[in-house]
Amino acid sequence: TGISEDGFTLFTDANEGSLNGVEATSEAQCLITGLTVLENLAYEFGLIENDENFNTESKLTFENQKYNVESILLNSQVDGVESGVFRGWSSSLGSLKVERKDSTALPIIRGANFGSNGGTVPQTAVLNYEIVQLLPLLPYFVAGEFSNLQNKIPPSFLEGNNSLKHVFNCEFKQNISSQEGNKSIRLENLLGSVGNFGENFNGLQTQYSLDSISYKSQITTESNPSLFVDEITEVEVIVLSADGTFTGAKNVVISHSYLPIDEEEYQNSTNYFEENFIFESVEKGNSGVIIKNVETQSLTSNSLKVNFEIDLSSTSIELTEESQYLLSICLDDTSSSAENSDRTNLILDLNNYDKSPDIKGLFEVTSFSNFNHLTSFSEAGNNNYKGWIQDGYAVKGNFRVNRTLEALIDTFNVQIVAWKDGTEEYFVLQTTQFNISNAVIDANGNQQIFINEILPFQLKEGRIQA
């Protein structure tokens, strides 16, 4: 119970947060006494350590976490809007929804001589509001803590018995910019129990563990040590349940996150945190933009296989082989109550992306033909060639370079390799490098290269050297 500056009593009934899919929700009902309808709200919240002094500063961006809600409606939800232009602390999937409920009588009994109204209690003196906030628990990572994640070192606010709790301050107003006649309530005493990766709630051991993770190219089906940037990666994960709970319904959520190297990538940002971290979570049986086709299969009561795909083609962030990522899985047994949930987030992999140095569309081979050495290039060539040792053999090919991508050829060599079909393995038999120091750029920006060299092959008399 709090007392506002004008002497009205402010009642608040905060319900315990509940888990819902990927996110956590926090619901609260605020009961405000007064005869003037307050249709605007300034709502500030924080995720702070249980023993920390009240504040609403984001531990990710160090910005104030605030929503403004205007023209609150009766029995109809109105969305809040992030205050200011920077919203790296906020989620595009998160939200603040507020509605005004029917006014009710003041839930107290006044004595006959109490106040100027005596024993009269107005039947509409309590303004009822319902606030529903959907939010991610941030931060799970900040720049510079990659090695801490690798070594399972928690951040200070989750170390030991420490945990995050949800706090908020509501200021209901007649006008969003007004400071007169406002009524405020602050809630900061409900302690939280937030587990780090690999924990069930705060510091509790989990029955789940990772057995294996593997990657392969969707194009070639070849295995790979990490996620591809330029093509779809197929991922297979095996997770274990010590209690053998993989027999019934199981919640499974896969998450992907880019891990920024510099804090400038997400601080003072007008983008939501999902954009800055390329974050996405997808439940089993569903597909997202990045994570697709999440499927599960119970191998035994103790072993679960999870397959999914990662497609990074939609990201606006330029990823390199220096860029790092986090893959995680959230598991919990649906037969358990919320209070006894075994819900756990496991890290599947912390790794660097695999990005080919090739630039799509930069270089294109437009034709390539094989010739018997006695066949004129003016005749049609062949797609392949079969011959004997010491037979003459020639090739003719054309390629083009995309100058709109500012490409220049600075070295030019031809290799003869021994190739194994099926596995695409090869080794180099011979490399010939040509001198292109005489290359020039013409008036149209095209690179002109002139090569006229005789190679020292030992050919039968009368044969033409090339």
Protein backbone atom coordinates (compact mmCIF):
# COMPACT_ATOMS: atom_id res chain seq x y z
CA THR A 1 0.00 0.00 0.00
CA GLY A 2 1.31 3.43 -0.91
CA ILE A 3 0.07 6.94 -0.15
CA SER A 4 0.02 9.49 -2.99
CA GLU A 5 0.84 13.14 -2.41
CA ASP A 6 -2.83 14.20 -2.40
CA GLY A 7 -3.63 11.79 0.42
CA PHE A 8 -5.60 9.22 -1.56
CA THR A 9 -4.88 5.61 -0.76
CA LEU A 10 -3.36 3.57 -3.59
CA PHE A 11 -3.90 -0.19 -3.53
CA THR A 12 -1.90 -2.58 -5.67
CA ASP A 13 -2.30 -6.30 -6.18
CA ALA A 14 0.63 -7.74 -8.18
CA ASN A 15 0.20 -11.25 -9.49
CA GLU A 16 3.14 -13.59 -9.81
CA GLY A 17 4.70 -13.68 -13.28
CA SER A 18 3.98 -16.77 -15.35
CA LEU A 19 5.84 -18.51 -18.15
CA ASN A 20 4.15 -18.41 -21.52
CA GLY A 21 5.91 -19.90 -24.55
CA VAL A 22 9.24 -18.19 -25.08
CA GLU A 23 8.76 -15.03 -23.05
CA ALA A 24 7.86 -14.36 -19.43
CA THR A 25 4.85 -12.20 -18.53
CA SER A 26 4.37 -9.98 -15.55
CA GLU A 27 0.79 -8.93 -14.71
CA ALA A 28 -0.33 -6.34 -12.19
CA GLN A 29 -3.59 -4.63 -11.23
CA CYS A 30 -3.38 -1.13 -9.82
CA LEU A 31 -6.36 0.26 -7.89
CA ILE A 32 -6.39 4.03 -7.61
CA THR A 33 -8.88 6.08 -5.62
CA GLY A 34 -10.14 9.32 -7.08
CA LEU A 35 -13.07 10.81 -8.94
CA THR A 36 -11.06 12.14 -11.90
CA VAL A 37 -10.43 9.59 -14.63
CA LEU A 38 -6.71 9.25 -15.41
CA GLU A 39 -6.31 8.20 -19.04
CA ASN A 40 -2.53 8.36 -19.45
CA LEU A 41 0.35 6.42 -17.96
CA ALA A 42 4.13 6.72 -17.69
CA TYR A 43 5.42 3.21 -16.93
CA GLU A 44 9.05 2.55 -16.02
CA PHE A 45 10.43 -0.89 -15.22
CA GLY A 46 13.68 -2.58 -14.37
CA LEU A 47 15.21 -6.03 -14.15
CA ILE A 48 17.50 -5.63 -11.17
CA GLU A 49 19.29 -7.87 -8.68
CA ASN A 50 17.16 -8.85 -5.67
CA ASP A 51 19.21 -6.73 -3.23
CA GLU A 52 19.76 -3.83 -5.64
CA ASN A 53 18.26 -0.39 -4.99
CA PHE A 54 15.27 0.45 -7.15
CA ASN A 55 16.17 1.65 -10.62
CA THR A 56 14.84 1.27 -14.16
CA GLU A 57 18.15 1.32 -16.01
CA SER A 58 18.71 -1.42 -18.59
CA LYS A 59 21.65 -3.65 -17.75
CA LEU A 60 22.15 -4.10 -21.49
CA THR A 61 22.11 -0.53 -22.80
CA PHE A 62 22.16 1.54 -19.54
CA GLU A 63 19.13 3.46 -20.82
CA ASN A 64 15.94 4.17 -18.89
CA GLN A 65 13.27 1.58 -19.70
CA LYS A 66 10.05 3.54 -20.08
CA TYR A 67 6.72 3.26 -21.90
CA ASN A 68 4.15 6.01 -22.40
CA VAL A 69 0.48 5.06 -22.75
CA GLU A 70 -2.05 7.63 -23.94
CA SER A 71 -5.85 7.64 -24.05
CA ILE A 72 -6.38 4.51 -21.95
CA LEU A 73 -9.74 2.96 -22.84
CA LEU A 74 -12.40 1.33 -20.70
CA ASN A 75 -12.34 -2.49 -21.04
CA SER A 76 -10.09 -2.34 -24.11
CA GLN A 77 -6.31 -2.72 -24.19
CA VAL A 78 -4.12 0.15 -25.40
CA ASP A 79 -0.48 -0.38 -26.40
CA GLY A 80 2.35 1.46 -24.76
CA VAL A 81 5.09 3.13 -26.81
CA GLU A 82 8.78 3.21 -25.90
CA SER A 83 9.85 6.59 -24.60
CA GLY A 84 12.57 8.31 -26.62
CA VAL A 85 14.27 7.22 -29.84
CA PHE A 86 16.66 4.61 -28.43
CA ARG A 87 15.09 1.20 -27.90
CA GLY A 88 17.90 -1.35 -27.84
CA TRP A 89 16.61 -2.37 -24.40
CA SER A 90 13.21 -3.22 -25.83
CA SER A 91 11.86 -6.19 -27.77
CA SER A 92 9.84 -6.09 -30.97
CA LEU A 93 7.88 -9.02 -29.50
CA GLY A 94 7.62 -7.42 -26.09
CA SER A 95 4.76 -5.14 -25.21
CA LEU A 96 2.96 -3.14 -22.58
CA LYS A 97 -0.83 -3.25 -22.70
CA VAL A 98 -3.07 -1.25 -20.39
CA GLU A 99 -6.83 -1.08 -19.99
CA ARG A 100 -9.13 0.63 -17.53
CA LYS A 101 -11.63 -1.59 -15.77
CA ASP A 102 -15.02 -0.56 -14.40
CA SER A 103 -14.77 1.74 -11.40
CA THR A 104 -15.70 0.20 -8.05
CA ALA A 105 -16.35 1.20 -4.47
CA LEU A 106 -13.49 2.03 -2.14
CA PRO A 107 -12.58 -1.25 -0.40
CA ILE A 108 -12.44 0.25 3.11
CA ILE A 109 -15.00 1.27 5.74
CA ARG A 110 -14.81 4.83 7.05
CA GLY A 111 -16.04 5.87 10.44
CA ALA A 112 -18.96 8.28 10.73
CA ASN A 113 -16.66 11.18 11.62
CA PHE A 114 -13.91 10.39 9.06
CA GLY A 115 -13.19 13.29 6.70
CA SER A 116 -15.58 15.85 5.30
CA ASN A 117 -17.75 13.13 3.74
CA GLY A 118 -18.40 11.40 7.03
CA GLY A 119 -19.32 7.78 6.47
CA THR A 120 -20.21 8.20 2.81
CA VAL A 121 -18.17 6.05 0.44
CA PRO A 122 -18.50 6.97 -3.27
CA GLN A 123 -19.37 3.85 -5.28
CA THR A 124 -17.06 4.83 -8.17
CA ALA A 125 -14.10 6.10 -6.21
CA VAL A 126 -11.69 3.37 -7.26
CA LEU A 127 -10.18 3.52 -10.74
CA ASN A 128 -9.15 0.03 -11.78
CA TYR A 129 -6.40 -0.63 -14.32
CA GLU A 130 -4.90 -3.81 -15.66
CA ILE A 131 -1.32 -3.75 -16.94
CA VAL A 132 0.14 -6.66 -18.89
CA GLN A 133 3.82 -6.55 -19.82
CA LEU A 134 5.58 -9.04 -22.07
CA LEU A 135 9.35 -8.78 -21.89
CA PRO A 136 12.57 -10.73 -22.50
CA LEU A 137 14.95 -11.26 -19.60
CA LEU A 138 17.96 -9.18 -20.61
CA PRO A 139 20.87 -9.24 -20.77
CA TYR A 140 22.00 -12.77 -21.48
CA PHE A 141 25.17 -11.37 -23.06
CA VAL A 142 27.11 -8.11 -23.24
CA ALA A 143 30.15 -7.32 -25.36
CA GLY A 144 33.40 -8.70 -23.97
CA GLU A 145 31.88 -11.66 -22.10
CA PHE A 146 32.30 -14.39 -24.72
CA SER A 147 34.98 -16.17 -22.69
CA ASN A 148 32.76 -15.97 -19.59
CA LEU A 149 30.01 -17.77 -21.48
CA GLN A 150 32.48 -20.38 -22.65
CA ASN A 151 33.75 -20.93 -19.11
CA LYS A 152 30.24 -20.86 -17.58
CA ILE A 153 31.02 -17.76 -15.52
CA PRO A 154 27.70 -16.01 -14.76
CA PRO A 155 27.25 -12.23 -14.72
CA SER A 156 27.41 -10.64 -11.27
CA PHE A 157 23.62 -10.30 -11.00
CA LEU A 158 23.22 -14.10 -11.40
CA GLU A 159 26.32 -15.17 -9.50
CA GLY A 160 25.81 -17.39 -6.45
CA ASN A 161 22.42 -16.68 -4.89
CA ASN A 162 21.93 -13.49 -6.89
CA SER A 163 18.93 -13.22 -9.18
CA LEU A 164 16.95 -10.69 -11.17
CA LYS A 165 13.58 -9.36 -10.09
CA HIS A 166 11.00 -7.30 -11.96
CA VAL A 167 10.30 -3.82 -10.55
CA PHE A 168 8.20 -0.98 -11.92
CA ASN A 169 6.86 2.49 -11.27
CA CYS A 170 3.45 3.57 -12.60
CA GLU A 171 2.48 7.23 -12.83
CA PHE A 172 -1.12 7.71 -13.95
CA LYS A 173 -1.87 11.15 -15.39
CA GLN A 174 -4.69 13.30 -16.67
CA ASN A 175 -2.38 14.33 -19.51
CA ILE A 176 0.82 12.58 -20.59
CA SER A 177 2.85 15.79 -20.12
CA SER A 178 1.08 16.91 -16.95
CA GLN A 179 2.65 16.86 -13.50
CA GLU A 180 -0.52 17.90 -11.66
CA GLY A 181 -2.93 15.48 -10.02
CA ASN A 182 -0.83 12.43 -10.88
CA LYS A 183 -0.95 9.22 -8.87
CA SER A 184 2.04 6.90 -8.59
CA ILE A 185 2.80 3.43 -7.36
CA ARG A 186 6.13 1.66 -7.13
CA LEU A 187 6.52 -2.11 -6.79
CA GLU A 188 9.93 -3.42 -5.85
CA ASN A 189 9.55 -6.07 -3.14
CA LEU A 190 8.69 -9.22 -5.11
CA LEU A 191 11.90 -11.23 -5.31
CA GLY A 192 12.83 -13.08 -8.49
CA SER A 193 14.30 -16.51 -9.18
CA VAL A 194 16.05 -16.37 -12.54
CA GLY A 195 18.41 -19.12 -13.63
CA ASN A 196 21.49 -18.69 -15.77
CA PHE A 197 22.22 -21.01 -18.72
CA GLY A 198 22.25 -24.59 -17.45
CA GLU A 199 20.27 -23.75 -14.30
CA ASN A 200 16.70 -24.55 -13.28
CA PHE A 201 15.52 -21.36 -11.57
CA ASN A 202 18.12 -19.58 -9.44
CA GLY A 203 21.12 -21.86 -8.88
CA LEU A 204 19.19 -25.14 -9.00
CA GLN A 205 20.75 -28.07 -10.82
CA THR A 206 19.07 -29.24 -14.00
CA GLN A 207 18.39 -32.76 -15.19
CA TYR A 208 19.03 -31.78 -18.83
CA SER A 209 22.39 -31.85 -20.62
CA LEU A 210 23.80 -31.63 -24.13
CA ASP A 211 25.08 -34.82 -25.72
CA SER A 212 26.08 -33.61 -29.20
CA ILE A 213 25.56 -31.02 -31.91
CA SER A 214 26.45 -31.33 -35.59
CA TYR A 215 26.19 -29.12 -38.67
CA LYS A 216 26.01 -29.83 -42.37
CA SER A 217 25.49 -27.90 -45.58
CA GLN A 218 22.00 -28.18 -47.02
CA ILE A 219 23.51 -27.87 -50.51
CA THR A 220 26.35 -30.41 -50.36
CA THR A 221 25.22 -32.36 -47.23
CA GLU A 222 28.87 -32.21 -46.07
CA SER A 223 29.52 -31.73 -42.36
CA ASN A 224 30.84 -28.41 -41.06
CA PRO A 225 32.20 -27.20 -37.70
CA SER A 226 29.84 -24.19 -37.40
CA LEU A 227 26.99 -22.21 -38.96
CA PHE A 228 27.28 -21.02 -42.54
CA VAL A 229 26.59 -17.35 -43.29
CA ASP A 230 25.95 -17.65 -47.02
CA GLU A 231 23.88 -20.83 -47.14
CA ILE A 232 21.38 -22.77 -45.05
CA THR A 233 22.87 -24.92 -42.29
CA GLU A 234 21.15 -28.08 -41.13
CA VAL A 235 21.65 -28.65 -37.40
CA GLU A 236 21.13 -31.84 -35.40
CA VAL A 237 21.19 -31.85 -31.61
CA ILE A 238 20.97 -34.69 -29.08
CA VAL A 239 19.97 -33.67 -25.54
CA LEU A 240 19.72 -35.92 -22.49
CA SER A 241 17.25 -36.19 -19.62
CA ALA A 242 18.66 -37.79 -16.45
CA ASP A 243 15.12 -38.32 -15.12
CA GLY A 244 13.91 -39.95 -18.33
CA THR A 245 11.17 -37.40 -19.04
CA PHE A 246 11.33 -37.55 -22.85
CA THR A 247 8.31 -39.85 -22.91
CA GLY A 248 5.45 -37.35 -22.95
CA ALA A 249 4.80 -33.82 -24.12
CA LYS A 250 7.85 -31.63 -23.99
CA ASN A 251 8.27 -27.91 -24.62
CA VAL A 252 11.28 -27.33 -26.88
CA VAL A 253 12.41 -23.86 -27.97
CA ILE A 254 15.48 -23.19 -30.14
CA SER A 255 17.17 -19.77 -29.95
CA HIS A 256 19.82 -18.12 -32.10
CA SER A 257 21.73 -14.97 -31.21
CA TYR A 258 24.59 -13.06 -32.75
CA LEU A 259 27.04 -11.91 -30.06
CA PRO A 260 28.20 -8.34 -30.75
CA ILE A 261 31.88 -7.62 -30.35
CA ASP A 262 31.42 -3.93 -29.49
CA GLU A 263 28.80 -2.41 -27.20
CA GLU A 264 28.32 0.36 -29.77
CA GLU A 265 26.42 -2.21 -31.82
CA TYR A 266 23.49 -2.15 -29.40
CA GLN A 267 23.83 0.96 -27.21
CA ASN A 268 22.17 4.21 -28.36
CA SER A 269 20.42 2.14 -31.01
CA THR A 270 17.06 2.87 -32.62
CA ASN A 271 16.70 -0.85 -33.41
CA TYR A 272 15.06 -3.40 -31.16
CA PHE A 273 17.36 -5.85 -29.42
CA GLU A 274 16.31 -8.67 -31.82
CA GLU A 275 17.78 -6.71 -34.74
CA ASN A 276 21.00 -5.86 -32.90
CA PHE A 277 21.51 -9.46 -31.76
CA ILE A 278 19.90 -11.25 -34.75
CA PHE A 279 17.84 -12.96 -32.06
CA GLU A 280 15.04 -15.42 -32.72
CA SER A 281 13.33 -18.17 -30.72
CA VAL A 282 11.17 -20.83 -32.35
CA GLU A 283 9.16 -23.60 -30.71
CA LYS A 284 9.09 -27.17 -32.00
CA GLY A 285 6.83 -27.75 -34.98
CA ASN A 286 7.29 -24.17 -36.19
CA SER A 287 9.48 -22.05 -38.45
CA GLY A 288 10.71 -18.50 -38.13
CA VAL A 289 12.74 -16.21 -40.37
CA ILE A 290 16.15 -17.46 -39.18
CA ILE A 291 15.29 -20.75 -37.43
CA LYS A 292 13.23 -23.08 -39.59
CA ASN A 293 11.62 -26.51 -39.39
CA VAL A 294 12.20 -27.32 -35.71
CA GLU A 295 11.39 -31.01 -35.30
CA THR A 296 11.93 -33.39 -32.39
CA GLN A 297 12.14 -37.16 -32.02
CA SER A 298 12.34 -39.10 -28.75
CA LEU A 299 15.07 -41.71 -29.19
CA THR A 300 14.58 -43.05 -25.67
CA SER A 301 13.08 -41.68 -22.47
CA ASN A 302 16.54 -40.26 -21.75
CA SER A 303 17.47 -39.01 -25.22
CA LEU A 304 15.84 -36.48 -27.55
CA LYS A 305 16.90 -35.58 -31.09
CA VAL A 306 16.18 -32.07 -32.36
CA ASN A 307 16.63 -31.03 -35.99
CA PHE A 308 16.35 -27.52 -37.39
CA GLU A 309 17.79 -25.19 -40.02
CA ILE A 310 19.52 -21.82 -39.72
CA ASP A 311 19.09 -19.33 -42.58
CA LEU A 312 20.93 -16.01 -42.10
CA SER A 313 20.12 -14.56 -45.52
CA SER A 314 17.69 -12.00 -44.08
CA THR A 315 20.04 -10.35 -41.60
CA SER A 316 21.10 -6.75 -42.17
CA ILE A 317 24.29 -7.14 -40.12
CA GLU A 318 27.46 -7.92 -42.07
CA LEU A 319 28.69 -11.19 -40.56
CA THR A 320 32.28 -12.35 -40.99
CA GLU A 321 34.37 -15.28 -39.82
CA GLU A 322 35.26 -13.14 -36.80
CA SER A 323 31.58 -12.85 -35.82
CA GLN A 324 30.37 -15.09 -33.01
CA TYR A 325 27.03 -16.65 -32.18
CA LEU A 326 25.09 -18.48 -29.48
CA LEU A 327 22.69 -21.38 -30.05
CA SER A 328 20.56 -22.51 -27.12
CA ILE A 329 17.66 -24.83 -26.36
CA CYS A 330 14.95 -24.37 -23.74
CA LEU A 331 13.40 -27.55 -22.34
CA ASP A 332 10.71 -28.25 -19.79
CA ASP A 333 8.35 -31.05 -18.88
CA THR A 334 4.74 -29.99 -19.51
CA SER A 335 3.48 -32.30 -16.76
CA SER A 336 5.13 -30.12 -14.09
CA SER A 337 3.42 -27.12 -12.50
CA ALA A 338 4.83 -23.62 -12.95
CA GLU A 339 6.15 -23.65 -9.37
CA ASN A 340 7.91 -27.00 -9.90
CA SER A 341 8.94 -26.52 -13.52
CA ASP A 342 12.23 -28.05 -14.65
CA ARG A 343 12.51 -25.38 -17.36
CA THR A 344 16.15 -24.92 -18.39
CA ASN A 345 18.07 -23.05 -21.07
CA LEU A 346 21.08 -25.03 -22.30
CA ILE A 347 23.85 -23.58 -24.44
CA LEU A 348 24.17 -25.73 -27.55
CA ASP A 349 27.14 -23.95 -29.09
CA LEU A 350 29.29 -20.84 -28.83
CA ASN A 351 31.20 -20.46 -32.06
CA ASN A 352 32.37 -18.35 -34.98
CA TYR A 353 30.33 -18.21 -38.16
CA ASP A 354 31.70 -19.83 -41.31
CA LYS A 355 31.68 -17.36 -44.18
CA SER A 356 33.18 -18.00 -47.59
CA PRO A 357 35.47 -15.23 -48.86
CA ASP A 358 33.74 -15.62 -52.23
CA ILE A 359 31.38 -12.80 -53.19
CA LYS A 360 28.26 -13.97 -54.96
CA GLY A 361 28.09 -12.77 -58.56
CA LEU A 362 31.65 -11.47 -58.56
CA PHE A 363 33.06 -14.08 -60.93
CA GLU A 364 31.19 -16.26 -63.42
CA VAL A 365 32.44 -18.91 -65.84
CA THR A 366 30.25 -18.57 -68.93
CA SER A 367 31.71 -21.45 -70.99
CA PHE A 368 34.29 -24.21 -70.72
CA SER A 369 35.17 -26.83 -73.34
CA ASN A 370 37.70 -29.65 -73.70
CA PHE A 371 39.68 -30.35 -76.89
CA ASN A 372 41.96 -32.96 -78.28
CA HIS A 373 45.20 -31.11 -78.94
CA LEU A 374 44.80 -31.59 -82.69
CA THR A 375 41.27 -30.14 -82.72
CA SER A 376 40.84 -26.52 -83.75
CA PHE A 377 39.27 -24.18 -81.22
CA SER A 378 36.90 -23.07 -83.98
CA GLU A 379 35.18 -26.44 -83.73
CA ALA A 380 32.77 -27.50 -81.00
CA GLY A 381 34.47 -28.72 -77.85
CA ASN A 382 33.44 -31.49 -75.48
CA ASN A 383 32.05 -31.47 -71.94
CA ASN A 384 34.71 -33.96 -70.87
CA TYR A 385 37.83 -35.61 -72.20
CA LYS A 386 39.25 -39.13 -72.00
CA GLY A 387 42.73 -39.91 -73.23
CA TRP A 388 46.01 -41.64 -72.58
CA ILE A 389 49.15 -40.52 -70.82
CA GLN A 390 51.11 -38.08 -73.00
CA ASP A 391 48.08 -37.35 -75.21
CA GLY A 392 47.73 -33.72 -76.15
CA TYR A 393 44.90 -31.91 -74.42
CA ALA A 394 43.59 -28.35 -74.54
CA VAL A 395 40.79 -26.33 -72.95
CA LYS A 396 39.01 -23.13 -73.86
CA GLY A 397 36.94 -21.11 -71.44
CA ASN A 398 35.31 -17.74 -70.99
CA PHE A 399 34.57 -15.96 -67.75
CA ARG A 400 33.40 -12.55 -66.71
CA VAL A 401 33.98 -10.36 -63.66
CA ASN A 402 31.27 -8.10 -62.24
CA ARG A 403 32.77 -4.61 -62.33
CA THR A 404 29.76 -3.14 -60.51
CA LEU A 405 31.20 -4.89 -57.44
CA GLU A 406 34.51 -3.08 -58.04
CA ALA A 407 36.31 -6.31 -58.82
CA LEU A 408 39.86 -6.39 -60.17
CA ILE A 409 42.03 -9.38 -61.05
CA ASP A 410 45.41 -9.04 -59.37
CA THR A 411 46.65 -12.62 -59.92
CA PHE A 412 45.79 -15.18 -62.57
CA ASN A 413 46.80 -18.83 -62.52
CA VAL A 414 45.62 -22.10 -63.98
CA GLN A 415 45.76 -25.38 -62.09
CA ILE A 416 45.58 -28.98 -63.23
CA VAL A 417 44.19 -31.14 -60.42
CA ALA A 418 43.32 -34.76 -59.76
CA TRP A 419 39.63 -34.80 -58.83
CA LYS A 420 37.55 -37.44 -57.07
CA ASP A 421 33.88 -37.46 -58.00
CA GLY A 422 31.38 -37.82 -55.18
CA THR A 423 33.55 -36.48 -52.37
CA GLU A 424 34.88 -33.55 -54.45
CA GLU A 425 38.35 -34.14 -53.00
CA TYR A 426 41.33 -33.10 -55.11
CA PHE A 427 45.04 -32.39 -55.13
CA VAL A 428 47.03 -30.10 -57.41
CA LEU A 429 49.19 -31.62 -60.15
CA GLN A 430 50.42 -28.41 -61.70
CA THR A 431 49.98 -24.67 -61.25
CA THR A 432 50.86 -22.09 -63.90
CA GLN A 433 50.79 -18.43 -62.87
CA PHE A 434 50.66 -15.74 -65.54
CA ASN A 435 52.17 -12.28 -65.41
CA ILE A 436 49.39 -9.67 -65.60
CA SER A 437 51.44 -6.63 -64.60
CA ASN A 438 50.60 -5.07 -67.97
CA ALA A 439 46.85 -4.94 -67.17
CA VAL A 440 45.19 -1.57 -67.77
CA ILE A 441 41.80 -0.01 -66.99
CA ASP A 442 40.16 1.45 -70.09
CA ALA A 443 37.92 4.51 -70.30
CA ASN A 444 34.84 2.40 -69.49
CA GLY A 445 36.37 1.07 -66.29
CA ASN A 446 37.05 -2.36 -67.74
CA GLN A 447 40.25 -4.22 -66.92
CA GLN A 448 42.20 -5.31 -69.99
CA ILE A 449 44.76 -8.10 -69.61
CA PHE A 450 47.07 -9.21 -72.42
CA ILE A 451 48.83 -12.58 -72.15
CA ASN A 452 50.90 -14.19 -74.88
CA GLU A 453 53.17 -16.81 -73.37
CA ILE A 454 54.68 -20.06 -74.58
CA LEU A 455 54.79 -22.75 -71.93
CA PRO A 456 57.78 -25.16 -71.87
CA PHE A 457 55.87 -28.34 -72.69
CA GLN A 458 57.76 -31.03 -74.62
CA LEU A 459 55.57 -31.62 -77.67
CA LYS A 460 56.02 -33.73 -80.79
CA GLU A 461 57.51 -31.86 -83.72
CA GLY A 462 54.81 -30.01 -85.63
CA ARG A 463 52.49 -29.65 -82.65
CA ILE A 464 51.57 -26.13 -81.57
CA GLN A 465 52.70 -24.89 -78.19
CA ALA A 466 50.33 -22.76 -76.10
